Every structure is written in C-alpha cells, then in structure tokens.
Amino acid sequence: MKLKNVLIVVKDMERSKRFYHDLFGLNVLLEDEGKAILTEGLVLQEEKVWKSALGKEICFERHSCELYFEEAELEGFVQRLQRLYPEVRYVHELLTYSWGKKVIRFYDPDGHLIEVGTP
C-alpha cells in the first residue's frame, strides 16, 4: 500500500492555487470538478464539493494536523511570505530551537496549519 495524496478543503480554489504556487512552487497537475491535484501530492478540494460528498459540515482550523515543508533558505522564504501575503496569520514567527532548527508556523487562507523549517 502507498499513500498517494493529502487532500485539504478550500473555500476559494483560485486563491489557494495561487497561495501554494507563490510560496511553495506547487503547480497544478490535474484539475476537474472542484478539485486540483498539485505537485508534491497536495490536493485541493472545494468546500461545496466536499460538503456534498460527505453530507457533513466542514470544520476549518481544527489544529489536528499540519502541512510541513522544509526550506534551506528560511529567512528568504519568510521575506517572500511577508511581501506576498502580509495578511497571513501566524502561530509564531520565525524561531530557533535550542538544537539549531529554525521554524515558522502560520495558516493558509483557509486556516490550515503550515510549518516551514530548515532541513
């Protein structure tokens, strides 16, 4: 068995595709019927389509998982994030752990938790 993708629900498909492309370089591989498959295995699903498929309310900002990315040039990434998305909401800005790893945590436009850290 093999994990193929991770799907997140989004309110505005175009905004989310732009966000993940601008910050992480993810490109759309396939798109149809309210779903976009991006490079690196991330799938965006429109809220209305997901709600219809499940028959349940969608609960954003549950803090039960995060998308984790690594970036060797983390300070440059933070500058790009601040320049392109000054309205982004942070869990915490750039910090350095005692063992030297640097991380930043913030939310995407739909409240999904993202961590970007040094390798």
C-alpha atoms as a PDB file:
ATOM      1  CA  MET A   1       0.000   0.000   0.000  1.00  0.00           C
ATOM      2  CA  LYS A   2       1.186   3.538  -0.762  1.00  0.00           C
ATOM      3  CA  LEU A   3      -0.055   6.950   0.357  1.00  0.00           C
ATOM      4  CA  LYS A   4      -0.738   8.901  -2.821  1.00  0.00           C
ATOM      5  CA  ASN A   5      -2.072  12.316  -1.786  1.00  0.00           C
ATOM      6  CA  VAL A   6      -3.120  14.582   1.043  1.00  0.00           C
ATOM      7  CA  LEU A   7      -6.396  16.443   0.447  1.00  0.00           C
ATOM      8  CA  ILE A   8      -7.355  19.725   2.076  1.00  0.00           C
ATOM      9  CA  VAL A   9     -10.663  21.537   1.705  1.00  0.00           C
ATOM     10  CA  VAL A  10     -10.567  25.131   0.467  1.00  0.00           C
ATOM     11  CA  LYS A  11     -13.142  27.892   0.175  1.00  0.00           C
ATOM     12  CA  ASP A  12     -11.647  29.625  -2.871  1.00  0.00           C
ATOM     13  CA  MET A  13      -9.841  27.358  -5.332  1.00  0.00           C
ATOM     14  CA  GLU A  14      -8.100  30.120  -7.297  1.00  0.00           C
ATOM     15  CA  ARG A  15      -6.832  31.838  -4.148  1.00  0.00           C
ATOM     16  CA  SER A  16      -5.496  28.546  -2.764  1.00  0.00           C
ATOM     17  CA  LYS A  17      -3.800  27.514  -6.016  1.00  0.00           C
ATOM     18  CA  ARG A  18      -2.100  30.923  -6.149  1.00  0.00           C
ATOM     19  CA  PHE A  19      -1.042  30.730  -2.464  1.00  0.00           C
ATOM     20  CA  TYR A  20       0.555  27.277  -2.782  1.00  0.00           C
ATOM     21  CA  HIS A  21       2.225  28.219  -6.068  1.00  0.00           C
ATOM     22  CA  ASP A  22       3.547  31.583  -4.843  1.00  0.00           C
ATOM     23  CA  LEU A  23       5.032  30.267  -1.609  1.00  0.00           C
ATOM     24  CA  PHE A  24       5.907  26.633  -2.289  1.00  0.00           C
ATOM     25  CA  GLY A  25       6.194  26.414  -6.072  1.00  0.00           C
ATOM     26  CA  LEU A  26       3.417  23.817  -6.329  1.00  0.00           C
ATOM     27  CA  ASN A  27       1.839  23.579  -9.770  1.00  0.00           C
ATOM     28  CA  VAL A  28      -1.484  22.163 -10.894  1.00  0.00           C
ATOM     29  CA  LEU A  29      -1.115  18.722 -12.484  1.00  0.00           C
ATOM     30  CA  LEU A  30      -4.813  17.985 -12.997  1.00  0.00           C
ATOM     31  CA  GLU A  31      -7.981  19.910 -12.306  1.00  0.00           C
ATOM     32  CA  ASP A  32     -11.630  18.957 -12.609  1.00  0.00           C
ATOM     33  CA  GLU A  33     -14.984  19.264 -10.826  1.00  0.00           C
ATOM     34  CA  GLY A  34     -13.847  21.374  -7.887  1.00  0.00           C
ATOM     35  CA  LYS A  35     -10.587  19.512  -7.314  1.00  0.00           C
ATOM     36  CA  ALA A  36      -6.982  20.356  -8.167  1.00  0.00           C
ATOM     37  CA  ILE A  37      -4.087  17.930  -7.830  1.00  0.00           C
ATOM     38  CA  LEU A  38      -0.848  19.805  -7.240  1.00  0.00           C
ATOM     39  CA  THR A  39       2.754  18.692  -7.463  1.00  0.00           C
ATOM     40  CA  GLU A  40       4.172  17.045  -4.333  1.00  0.00           C
ATOM     41  CA  GLY A  41       0.855  15.226  -3.744  1.00  0.00           C
ATOM     42  CA  LEU A  42      -1.264  18.043  -2.346  1.00  0.00           C
ATOM     43  CA  VAL A  43      -4.909  18.005  -3.451  1.00  0.00           C
ATOM     44  CA  LEU A  44      -7.232  20.984  -3.069  1.00  0.00           C
ATOM     45  CA  GLN A  45     -10.964  20.241  -2.889  1.00  0.00           C
ATOM     46  CA  GLU A  46     -13.619  22.967  -2.992  1.00  0.00           C
ATOM     47  CA  GLU A  47     -15.661  23.177   0.188  1.00  0.00           C
ATOM     48  CA  LYS A  48     -19.044  22.862  -1.530  1.00  0.00           C
ATOM     49  CA  VAL A  49     -17.990  19.679  -3.383  1.00  0.00           C
ATOM     50  CA  TRP A  50     -16.527  18.074  -0.242  1.00  0.00           C
ATOM     51  CA  LYS A  51     -19.573  19.015   1.843  1.00  0.00           C
ATOM     52  CA  SER A  52     -21.842  17.472  -0.774  1.00  0.00           C
ATOM     53  CA  ALA A  53     -19.775  14.273  -0.903  1.00  0.00           C
ATOM     54  CA  LEU A  54     -19.716  13.850   2.884  1.00  0.00           C
ATOM     55  CA  GLY A  55     -23.110  15.274   3.770  1.00  0.00           C
ATOM     56  CA  LYS A  56     -21.496  16.966   6.776  1.00  0.00           C
ATOM     57  CA  GLU A  57     -20.403  20.446   7.808  1.00  0.00           C
ATOM     58  CA  ILE A  58     -16.780  21.359   7.167  1.00  0.00           C
ATOM     59  CA  CYS A  59     -14.774  22.404  10.249  1.00  0.00           C
ATOM     60  CA  PHE A  60     -11.805  24.641   9.489  1.00  0.00           C
ATOM     61  CA  GLU A  61      -8.968  25.497  11.916  1.00  0.00           C
ATOM     62  CA  ARG A  62      -9.133  22.284  13.929  1.00  0.00           C
ATOM     63  CA  HIS A  63      -5.373  22.241  14.704  1.00  0.00           C
ATOM     64  CA  SER A  64      -5.243  18.469  14.387  1.00  0.00           C
ATOM     65  CA  CYS A  65      -2.673  18.321  11.592  1.00  0.00           C
ATOM     66  CA  GLU A  66      -0.231  20.483   9.674  1.00  0.00           C
ATOM     67  CA  LEU A  67       1.426  20.623   6.299  1.00  0.00           C
ATOM     68  CA  TYR A  68       5.196  20.532   6.801  1.00  0.00           C
ATOM     69  CA  PHE A  69       7.688  21.941   4.312  1.00  0.00           C
ATOM     70  CA  GLU A  70      11.469  22.268   4.505  1.00  0.00           C
ATOM     71  CA  GLU A  71      13.417  25.224   3.157  1.00  0.00           C
ATOM     72  CA  ALA A  72      17.194  25.671   3.425  1.00  0.00           C
ATOM     73  CA  GLU A  73      16.900  29.455   2.862  1.00  0.00           C
ATOM     74  CA  LEU A  74      14.236  30.018   5.515  1.00  0.00           C
ATOM     75  CA  GLU A  75      14.913  33.730   6.032  1.00  0.00           C
ATOM     76  CA  GLY A  76      14.353  34.326   2.290  1.00  0.00           C
ATOM     77  CA  PHE A  77      11.123  32.330   2.455  1.00  0.00           C
ATOM     78  CA  VAL A  78       9.919  34.461   5.399  1.00  0.00           C
ATOM     79  CA  GLN A  79      10.662  37.652   3.448  1.00  0.00           C
ATOM     80  CA  ARG A  80       8.681  36.311   0.459  1.00  0.00           C
ATOM     81  CA  LEU A  81       5.791  35.305   2.737  1.00  0.00           C
ATOM     82  CA  GLN A  82       5.694  38.774   4.318  1.00  0.00           C
ATOM     83  CA  ARG A  83       5.914  40.516   0.941  1.00  0.00           C
ATOM     84  CA  LEU A  84       3.298  38.415  -0.886  1.00  0.00           C
ATOM     85  CA  TYR A  85       0.920  37.705   1.996  1.00  0.00           C
ATOM     86  CA  PRO A  86       1.231  40.452   4.628  1.00  0.00           C
ATOM     87  CA  GLU A  87      -2.194  39.472   5.966  1.00  0.00           C
ATOM     88  CA  VAL A  88      -1.089  35.924   6.868  1.00  0.00           C
ATOM     89  CA  ARG A  89      -1.932  34.835  10.417  1.00  0.00           C
ATOM     90  CA  TYR A  90       0.954  33.371  12.406  1.00  0.00           C
ATOM     91  CA  VAL A  91       1.001  30.716  15.095  1.00  0.00           C
ATOM     92  CA  HIS A  92       4.507  32.062  15.691  1.00  0.00           C
ATOM     93  CA  GLU A  93       7.010  33.912  13.590  1.00  0.00           C
ATOM     94  CA  LEU A  94      10.487  32.599  12.880  1.00  0.00           C
ATOM     95  CA  LEU A  95      12.102  30.948  15.893  1.00  0.00           C
ATOM     96  CA  THR A  96      15.192  28.856  16.509  1.00  0.00           C
ATOM     97  CA  TYR A  97      15.068  25.803  18.761  1.00  0.00           C
ATOM     98  CA  SER A  98      17.931  25.103  21.174  1.00  0.00           C
ATOM     99  CA  TRP A  99      19.268  22.373  18.831  1.00  0.00           C
ATOM    100  CA  GLY A 100      19.520  24.874  15.944  1.00  0.00           C
ATOM    101  CA  LYS A 101      16.465  24.061  13.828  1.00  0.00           C
ATOM    102  CA  LYS A 102      14.557  27.127  12.616  1.00  0.00           C
ATOM    103  CA  VAL A 103      10.789  27.035  12.068  1.00  0.00           C
ATOM    104  CA  ILE A 104       7.846  29.267  11.353  1.00  0.00           C
ATOM    105  CA  ARG A 105       4.169  28.295  11.691  1.00  0.00           C
ATOM    106  CA  PHE A 106       1.257  30.078  10.068  1.00  0.00           C
ATOM    107  CA  TYR A 107      -2.149  29.468   8.496  1.00  0.00           C
ATOM    108  CA  ASP A 108      -3.071  29.239   4.847  1.00  0.00           C
ATOM    109  CA  PRO A 109      -6.085  31.302   3.683  1.00  0.00           C
ATOM    110  CA  ASP A 110      -8.474  28.585   4.921  1.00  0.00           C
ATOM    111  CA  GLY A 111      -6.899  28.110   8.324  1.00  0.00           C
ATOM    112  CA  HIS A 112      -4.824  25.013   7.560  1.00  0.00           C
ATOM    113  CA  LEU A 113      -1.724  24.963   9.753  1.00  0.00           C
ATOM    114  CA  ILE A 114       1.606  25.122   7.904  1.00  0.00           C
ATOM    115  CA  GLU A 115       5.087  24.684   9.316  1.00  0.00           C
ATOM    116  CA  VAL A 116       8.192  25.556   7.333  1.00  0.00           C
ATOM    117  CA  GLY A 117      11.512  24.525   8.834  1.00  0.00           C
ATOM    118  CA  THR A 118      15.129  24.153   7.951  1.00  0.00           C
ATOM    119  CA  PRO A 119      16.231  20.666   6.872  1.00  0.00           C
END
